[in-house]
Amino acid sequence: MSELALSTVVPATLPTHLSGMAGTNRAPASASRQIAANDDVAAIGLWLAEYHGSPHTFRSYRKEAERLLLWATQIRGKAVSSLTREDVLAYEAFLAQPLPTWCDESLARRGDHRRLFAGPLSERSQRQALGILSGLFNYLVRAGYLAGTPFALQPRSRRGRQGRRTIERYLDRALWQDVLVHVEQWPQASGRDRQRYERARWVLRLLYETALRASEAAQARESDLFHRRGCWWLRVTGKGGVEGDVPISEALMADFASYRAFHGLPVVPGSDSPRPLILGIAGRDAPLTATAVYLIVKEALGRVAEVVAPTDPVRAARLRRASTHWLRHTAATHQAEAGNPVHHIQHNLRHSSIATTSIYLHAEEDARHASTTQARATIPLPKERP
């Protein structure tokens, strides 16, 4: 039923005491069950199925579910539906220091027989992993499969610190402008060079102007564009099937017309055309995957980093780390810095909570840093002793 069950990373069948059929945290038989799954793999597979419409999210969530299931059954000797708060704390420690065999570099990075960790997870990656698993357990509780979730006991102070963070994975305006300028300087002597230039130029502008996720950009079609009250909009279906309308500027539509003209297409998109906004290789109408969009961005930013590195290695390193999701964060941050109302940014990014959008508001932190460092600069330094 699930791709998790079909993966050879996780055994196709587990012994009864590890399968979860008799898990100590299973909801009582009298509970109102919303799912028919009766073992942990099937229940987790159903949770994953809720995210099939978002390939990137699905892969990320499956990775965390596989890690936990293997750790629980192979190392802890327990079913996932028998895990307690003590087990969760032990798993937190494991994420910070996984077994060497789980990080074996001789194993492939992808595929069924892959290594599960590249190494110890950073604090941020640990929080992300535990947040995903908390969502899994909450789902299984609501489904009537589990009696409770050990993640609910997480101290409020720790959750509070996470909620007050601001986003750091973005490019400041100067660096983003450098990216655009350097891409314009790419060689265009051959047809292949021109094609790579046109594609990178369009993909970078599309992701930045719309704050789309890579999967959303890959799925976007001409028919998703529409004109309302003299303005262009893009209808997007994002994570969890949430729909939203994203404003499209006249400048971006001009960039789209230029991109289409290069491929010999009419400058005005068809209102009922299924043609993707990002064309496949050599302009084919077959859509790219989210991974392909990701790689286009990584290659473009990497090329810019090579140019920047000799004079500014710090900024070059930042560009090498950046990805498609950085462009989403960059768009939101720049909108906030420009004074765009936070509820407008919330709708543009299609966040369910305005608290999520607030992580892009850096102005208060910038002001605090400036006032603190300027005050320090006014304190006279002691004279050197003779």
Protein backbone atom coordinates (compact mmCIF):
# COMPACT_ATOMS: atom_id res chain seq x y z
CA MET A 1 0.00 0.00 0.00
CA SER A 2 2.87 2.39 0.72
CA GLU A 3 6.20 3.14 -0.86
CA LEU A 4 7.68 2.77 2.61
CA ALA A 5 6.60 -0.88 2.73
CA LEU A 6 8.13 -1.50 -0.71
CA SER A 7 11.52 -0.02 0.20
CA THR A 8 14.17 -2.62 1.00
CA VAL A 9 15.63 -0.24 3.56
CA VAL A 10 12.73 -1.35 5.74
CA PRO A 11 11.99 -5.12 5.91
CA ALA A 12 8.86 -6.13 4.03
CA THR A 13 7.61 -7.93 7.13
CA LEU A 14 8.54 -7.55 10.80
CA PRO A 15 8.18 -10.05 13.65
CA THR A 16 4.90 -9.67 15.51
CA HIS A 17 6.51 -8.10 18.58
CA LEU A 18 8.15 -5.44 16.36
CA SER A 19 5.34 -4.92 13.86
CA GLY A 20 3.20 -2.82 16.17
CA MET A 21 0.22 -5.16 16.03
CA ALA A 22 0.52 -5.43 19.80
CA GLY A 23 2.24 -2.09 20.48
CA THR A 24 1.96 -0.88 24.06
CA ASN A 25 0.87 2.58 22.86
CA ARG A 26 -1.85 1.31 20.55
CA ALA A 27 -5.26 2.89 21.06
CA PRO A 28 -7.80 0.65 22.82
CA ALA A 29 -10.15 -1.39 20.65
CA SER A 30 -13.01 0.83 21.80
CA ALA A 31 -11.38 3.93 20.23
CA SER A 32 -12.94 5.43 17.14
CA ARG A 33 -10.61 4.25 14.36
CA GLN A 34 -10.26 6.39 11.24
CA ILE A 35 -7.85 4.05 9.42
CA ALA A 36 -7.85 0.30 8.79
CA ALA A 37 -4.05 -0.14 9.13
CA ASN A 38 -3.19 -2.60 11.89
CA ASP A 39 0.62 -2.49 11.96
CA ASP A 40 3.17 0.29 12.10
CA VAL A 41 4.48 0.05 8.53
CA ALA A 42 0.95 0.22 7.10
CA ALA A 43 -0.02 3.11 9.39
CA ILE A 44 3.12 5.08 8.54
CA GLY A 45 2.56 4.33 4.86
CA LEU A 46 -0.92 5.83 5.07
CA TRP A 47 0.48 8.98 6.67
CA LEU A 48 3.03 9.24 3.86
CA ALA A 49 0.31 8.78 1.26
CA GLU A 50 -1.16 12.09 2.40
CA TYR A 51 1.92 13.80 0.88
CA HIS A 52 2.10 12.10 -2.52
CA GLY A 53 1.13 15.39 -4.15
CA SER A 54 4.33 17.03 -2.83
CA PRO A 55 7.26 14.84 -3.97
CA HIS A 56 9.95 16.75 -2.06
CA THR A 57 7.96 16.65 1.19
CA PHE A 58 7.15 12.98 0.64
CA ARG A 59 10.83 12.03 0.24
CA SER A 60 11.84 14.06 3.29
CA TYR A 61 9.11 12.56 5.47
CA ARG A 62 9.78 9.01 4.27
CA LYS A 63 13.47 9.37 5.14
CA GLU A 64 12.67 10.36 8.72
CA ALA A 65 10.05 7.61 9.09
CA GLU A 66 12.47 4.98 7.80
CA ARG A 67 15.20 6.13 10.15
CA LEU A 68 12.94 5.96 13.17
CA LEU A 69 11.41 2.61 12.24
CA LEU A 70 14.81 0.99 11.70
CA TRP A 71 16.24 2.49 14.88
CA ALA A 72 13.23 1.37 16.94
CA THR A 73 13.16 -2.20 15.62
CA GLN A 74 16.88 -2.89 15.11
CA ILE A 75 18.54 -0.93 17.92
CA ARG A 76 15.84 -0.31 20.53
CA GLY A 77 14.14 -3.66 19.93
CA LYS A 78 10.68 -2.10 20.08
CA ALA A 79 7.80 -1.38 17.76
CA VAL A 80 7.29 2.26 16.81
CA SER A 81 3.87 2.04 18.49
CA SER A 82 5.60 1.02 21.74
CA LEU A 83 7.99 3.98 21.96
CA THR A 84 7.95 6.07 25.14
CA ARG A 85 9.29 9.51 26.03
CA GLU A 86 12.52 7.85 27.19
CA ASP A 87 12.88 6.30 23.74
CA VAL A 88 12.37 9.66 22.05
CA LEU A 89 15.13 11.19 24.17
CA ALA A 90 17.41 8.29 23.26
CA TYR A 91 16.60 8.81 19.59
CA GLU A 92 17.47 12.51 19.89
CA ALA A 93 20.90 11.48 21.17
CA PHE A 94 21.21 8.99 18.31
CA LEU A 95 20.54 11.69 15.72
CA ALA A 96 23.41 13.71 17.18
CA GLN A 97 25.72 10.66 17.05
CA PRO A 98 24.46 7.87 14.74
CA LEU A 99 26.26 4.55 14.53
CA PRO A 100 29.20 4.47 12.07
CA THR A 101 27.49 1.65 10.15
CA TRP A 102 24.58 3.98 9.44
CA CYS A 103 27.01 6.51 7.92
CA ASP A 104 29.03 4.05 5.81
CA GLU A 105 30.43 6.03 2.87
CA SER A 106 30.71 2.86 0.78
CA LEU A 107 26.92 2.79 0.51
CA ALA A 108 25.09 4.78 -2.15
CA ARG A 109 23.50 8.11 -1.22
CA ARG A 110 20.26 7.14 -2.95
CA GLY A 111 18.27 4.00 -3.65
CA ASP A 112 16.96 1.22 -1.46
CA HIS A 113 20.35 0.07 -0.13
CA ARG A 114 21.58 3.54 0.80
CA ARG A 115 23.29 4.93 3.84
CA LEU A 116 20.84 6.60 6.18
CA PHE A 117 23.09 9.37 7.52
CA ALA A 118 25.92 11.39 6.05
CA GLY A 119 27.06 11.96 9.63
CA PRO A 120 25.77 13.50 12.88
CA LEU A 121 22.85 15.86 12.30
CA SER A 122 23.17 19.53 13.12
CA GLU A 123 20.91 20.99 15.80
CA ARG A 124 18.70 22.47 13.11
CA SER A 125 18.43 19.13 11.26
CA GLN A 126 17.65 17.38 14.53
CA ARG A 127 14.79 19.80 15.19
CA GLN A 128 13.47 19.29 11.69
CA ALA A 129 13.58 15.49 12.00
CA LEU A 130 11.85 15.51 15.38
CA GLY A 131 9.25 17.98 14.13
CA ILE A 132 8.38 15.68 11.23
CA LEU A 133 8.09 12.68 13.54
CA SER A 134 5.96 14.67 15.96
CA GLY A 135 3.59 15.31 13.06
CA LEU A 136 3.53 11.59 12.28
CA PHE A 137 2.59 10.66 15.85
CA ASN A 138 -0.05 13.38 16.04
CA TYR A 139 -1.59 12.02 12.85
CA LEU A 140 -1.68 8.47 14.22
CA VAL A 141 -3.29 9.69 17.44
CA ARG A 142 -5.98 11.57 15.52
CA ALA A 143 -6.50 8.48 13.37
CA GLY A 144 -7.26 6.42 16.46
CA TYR A 145 -4.22 4.19 15.87
CA LEU A 146 -2.14 5.37 18.86
CA ALA A 147 -3.33 6.22 22.35
CA GLY A 148 -0.95 9.15 22.71
CA THR A 149 2.28 10.71 21.49
CA PRO A 150 5.54 10.85 23.48
CA PHE A 151 6.43 14.01 21.57
CA ALA A 152 3.66 15.88 23.41
CA LEU A 153 5.87 15.91 26.52
CA GLN A 154 8.52 18.08 24.87
CA PRO A 155 9.21 21.04 27.21
CA ARG A 156 7.46 24.25 26.19
CA SER A 157 10.65 26.26 26.59
CA ARG A 158 12.31 24.25 23.82
CA ARG A 159 9.33 24.65 21.52
CA GLY A 160 9.28 28.36 22.31
CA ARG A 161 12.90 28.85 21.28
CA GLN A 162 12.20 27.19 17.98
CA GLY A 163 9.13 29.35 17.39
CA ARG A 164 11.06 32.58 17.92
CA ARG A 165 13.81 31.84 15.42
CA THR A 166 14.30 33.90 12.28
CA ILE A 167 15.20 32.43 8.92
CA GLU A 168 18.86 32.59 7.91
CA ARG A 169 18.87 30.68 4.62
CA TYR A 170 18.46 33.56 2.22
CA LEU A 171 20.55 35.86 0.04
CA ASP A 172 20.75 39.54 0.92
CA ARG A 173 19.77 42.05 -1.75
CA ALA A 174 23.33 42.85 -2.78
CA LEU A 175 24.24 39.19 -3.21
CA TRP A 176 21.04 38.45 -5.12
CA GLN A 177 21.76 41.37 -7.44
CA ASP A 178 25.26 39.98 -8.00
CA VAL A 179 23.71 36.65 -9.02
CA LEU A 180 21.51 38.34 -11.64
CA VAL A 181 24.40 40.42 -12.98
CA HIS A 182 26.80 37.48 -13.28
CA VAL A 183 24.23 35.28 -15.04
CA GLU A 184 23.79 38.04 -17.63
CA GLN A 185 27.52 37.75 -18.32
CA TRP A 186 27.42 34.03 -19.17
CA PRO A 187 28.79 33.14 -22.64
CA GLN A 188 26.15 32.69 -25.32
CA ALA A 189 28.31 31.80 -28.33
CA SER A 190 26.83 28.34 -28.96
CA GLY A 191 23.22 27.23 -29.06
CA ARG A 192 23.79 25.10 -25.97
CA ASP A 193 25.29 28.06 -24.08
CA ARG A 194 22.34 30.25 -25.01
CA GLN A 195 19.88 27.57 -23.97
CA ARG A 196 21.50 27.18 -20.53
CA TYR A 197 21.56 30.95 -20.10
CA GLU A 198 17.89 31.39 -21.04
CA ARG A 199 16.75 28.53 -18.81
CA ALA A 200 18.78 29.57 -15.75
CA ARG A 201 17.77 33.20 -16.15
CA TRP A 202 14.07 32.30 -16.28
CA VAL A 203 14.12 29.74 -13.48
CA LEU A 204 15.95 32.07 -11.08
CA ARG A 205 13.56 34.94 -11.78
CA LEU A 206 10.46 32.74 -11.59
CA LEU A 207 11.38 31.23 -8.22
CA TYR A 208 12.40 34.58 -6.75
CA GLU A 209 9.42 36.59 -8.01
CA THR A 210 6.82 33.97 -7.01
CA ALA A 211 8.48 32.33 -3.97
CA LEU A 212 7.41 28.95 -5.37
CA ARG A 213 8.80 25.69 -4.05
CA ALA A 214 10.74 23.63 -6.61
CA SER A 215 7.92 21.09 -6.86
CA GLU A 216 5.34 23.87 -7.39
CA ALA A 217 7.44 25.48 -10.11
CA ALA A 218 7.91 22.13 -11.87
CA GLN A 219 4.14 21.51 -11.84
CA ALA A 220 3.09 25.04 -12.93
CA ARG A 221 1.39 25.29 -16.34
CA GLU A 222 0.44 28.11 -18.69
CA SER A 223 -3.21 27.42 -17.88
CA ASP A 224 -2.44 28.30 -14.24
CA LEU A 225 -1.82 31.92 -15.30
CA PHE A 226 -4.84 34.19 -15.41
CA HIS A 227 -5.66 37.88 -15.81
CA ARG A 228 -7.88 39.59 -13.22
CA ARG A 229 -8.68 43.29 -13.00
CA GLY A 230 -5.76 44.12 -15.28
CA CYS A 231 -3.24 42.07 -13.29
CA TRP A 232 -1.55 38.71 -13.81
CA TRP A 233 -1.84 35.93 -11.22
CA LEU A 234 -0.60 32.35 -10.93
CA ARG A 235 -2.79 29.71 -9.31
CA VAL A 236 -0.65 27.33 -7.27
CA THR A 237 -1.45 24.07 -5.53
CA GLY A 238 1.14 23.59 -2.80
CA LYS A 239 1.85 21.40 0.20
CA GLY A 240 -1.13 19.49 1.48
CA GLY A 241 -3.15 20.44 -1.60
CA VAL A 242 -3.47 24.03 -0.38
CA GLU A 243 -4.36 26.37 -3.26
CA GLY A 244 -3.39 30.01 -3.53
CA ASP A 245 -3.08 32.82 -6.06
CA VAL A 246 0.36 34.42 -6.38
CA PRO A 247 0.76 37.94 -7.87
CA ILE A 248 2.81 38.06 -11.09
CA SER A 249 4.49 41.34 -12.08
CA GLU A 250 4.55 42.76 -15.57
CA ALA A 251 8.35 42.50 -15.44
CA LEU A 252 8.16 38.75 -14.82
CA MET A 253 5.64 38.34 -17.64
CA ALA A 254 8.10 40.17 -19.91
CA ASP A 255 10.82 37.74 -18.83
CA PHE A 256 8.46 34.87 -19.59
CA ALA A 257 7.72 36.31 -23.05
CA SER A 258 11.46 36.54 -23.75
CA TYR A 259 11.99 32.94 -22.61
CA ARG A 260 9.11 31.73 -24.79
CA ALA A 261 10.32 33.72 -27.80
CA PHE A 262 13.72 32.04 -27.54
CA HIS A 263 11.94 28.70 -27.92
CA GLY A 264 9.84 29.92 -30.83
CA LEU A 265 6.59 30.11 -28.86
CA PRO A 266 3.97 32.89 -28.89
CA VAL A 267 4.81 35.57 -26.34
CA VAL A 268 1.31 35.39 -24.84
CA PRO A 269 0.67 32.13 -22.94
CA GLY A 270 -2.40 30.08 -23.80
CA SER A 271 -5.17 30.22 -21.21
CA ASP A 272 -5.95 26.51 -21.63
CA SER A 273 -2.46 25.28 -22.52
CA PRO A 274 -0.96 22.44 -20.44
CA ARG A 275 2.56 23.53 -21.45
CA PRO A 276 4.80 23.88 -18.36
CA LEU A 277 6.16 27.26 -17.32
CA ILE A 278 9.64 25.70 -17.23
CA LEU A 279 10.20 23.80 -20.45
CA GLY A 280 12.07 20.52 -20.60
CA ILE A 281 15.45 20.03 -22.21
CA ALA A 282 15.72 21.73 -25.62
CA GLY A 283 12.33 23.35 -25.10
CA ARG A 284 10.28 20.17 -25.00
CA ASP A 285 6.80 20.43 -23.53
CA ALA A 286 7.41 17.59 -21.08
CA PRO A 287 7.72 19.13 -17.59
CA LEU A 288 10.88 18.94 -15.53
CA THR A 289 10.93 17.24 -12.15
CA ALA A 290 11.42 19.15 -8.92
CA THR A 291 14.92 17.62 -8.73
CA ALA A 292 15.76 18.99 -12.18
CA VAL A 293 14.64 22.49 -11.13
CA TYR A 294 16.75 22.15 -7.99
CA LEU A 295 19.82 21.17 -10.04
CA ILE A 296 19.37 24.09 -12.46
CA VAL A 297 19.47 26.50 -9.51
CA LYS A 298 22.41 24.76 -7.84
CA GLU A 299 24.43 24.85 -11.06
CA ALA A 300 23.66 28.52 -11.67
CA LEU A 301 24.53 29.61 -8.13
CA GLY A 302 27.63 27.40 -8.20
CA ARG A 303 28.86 29.11 -11.38
CA VAL A 304 28.37 32.51 -9.80
CA ALA A 305 30.19 31.32 -6.67
CA GLU A 306 33.24 30.41 -8.78
CA VAL A 307 33.40 33.97 -10.08
CA VAL A 308 32.88 35.55 -6.65
CA ALA A 309 35.25 33.24 -4.73
CA PRO A 310 38.61 34.95 -5.51
CA THR A 311 37.50 38.28 -4.06
CA ASP A 312 34.85 37.21 -1.52
CA PRO A 313 35.14 33.58 -0.36
CA VAL A 314 32.53 34.06 2.38
CA ARG A 315 29.82 35.13 -0.06
CA ALA A 316 30.90 32.38 -2.47
CA ALA A 317 30.47 29.78 0.27
CA ARG A 318 26.98 31.10 0.96
CA LEU A 319 26.07 30.77 -2.72
CA ARG A 320 27.32 27.18 -2.80
CA ARG A 321 25.05 26.33 0.12
CA ALA A 322 22.02 28.03 -1.39
CA SER A 323 19.24 26.08 -3.11
CA THR A 324 15.73 26.50 -4.50
CA HIS A 325 14.25 26.88 -1.03
CA TRP A 326 16.75 29.63 -0.30
CA LEU A 327 15.17 31.58 -3.15
CA ARG A 328 11.75 31.18 -1.51
CA HIS A 329 13.22 32.51 1.73
CA THR A 330 15.02 35.26 -0.18
CA ALA A 331 11.78 36.40 -1.83
CA ALA A 332 9.92 36.51 1.48
CA THR A 333 12.75 38.32 3.26
CA HIS A 334 13.06 40.96 0.54
CA GLN A 335 9.29 41.48 0.54
CA ALA A 336 9.38 42.02 4.30
CA GLU A 337 12.33 44.42 4.05
CA ALA A 338 10.46 46.40 1.39
CA GLY A 339 7.60 46.95 3.83
CA ASN A 340 5.15 44.50 2.28
CA PRO A 341 2.46 43.80 4.94
CA VAL A 342 3.13 40.51 6.69
CA HIS A 343 -0.36 39.19 5.91
CA HIS A 344 0.30 39.80 2.20
CA ILE A 345 3.53 37.80 2.46
CA GLN A 346 1.60 35.11 4.31
CA HIS A 347 -0.83 34.79 1.38
CA ASN A 348 1.99 34.89 -1.18
CA LEU A 349 3.78 32.00 0.54
CA ARG A 350 0.46 30.28 1.37
CA HIS A 351 1.30 29.85 5.05
CA SER A 352 -1.57 28.69 7.25
CA SER A 353 -0.24 30.68 10.21
CA ILE A 354 1.08 34.22 10.23
CA ALA A 355 3.53 33.11 12.93
CA THR A 356 5.32 31.06 10.27
CA THR A 357 5.67 34.11 8.05
CA SER A 358 7.04 36.22 10.92
CA ILE A 359 10.38 34.40 10.77
CA TYR A 360 11.22 36.60 7.77
CA LEU A 361 10.98 39.86 9.74
CA HIS A 362 14.63 40.76 10.33
CA ALA A 363 14.26 44.50 10.84
CA GLU A 364 14.05 44.35 14.65
CA GLU A 365 17.15 42.15 14.89
CA ASP A 366 19.06 44.41 12.47
CA ALA A 367 18.15 47.47 14.54
CA ARG A 368 19.21 45.71 17.77
CA HIS A 369 22.55 44.71 16.25
CA ALA A 370 23.20 48.22 14.91
CA SER A 371 22.33 49.99 18.17
CA THR A 372 24.44 47.56 20.20
CA THR A 373 27.54 47.66 18.01
CA GLN A 374 27.34 51.43 17.52
CA ALA A 375 27.10 51.95 21.27
CA ARG A 376 30.17 49.76 21.73
CA ALA A 377 32.05 51.78 19.13
CA THR A 378 31.49 55.02 21.09
CA ILE A 379 33.24 53.68 24.21
CA PRO A 380 36.82 55.03 24.21
CA LEU A 381 39.51 52.38 24.27
CA PRO A 382 42.05 52.54 27.11
CA LYS A 383 45.38 54.10 26.25
CA GLU A 384 48.29 51.73 25.89
CA ARG A 385 50.67 51.73 28.79
CA PRO A 386 54.18 52.89 28.04
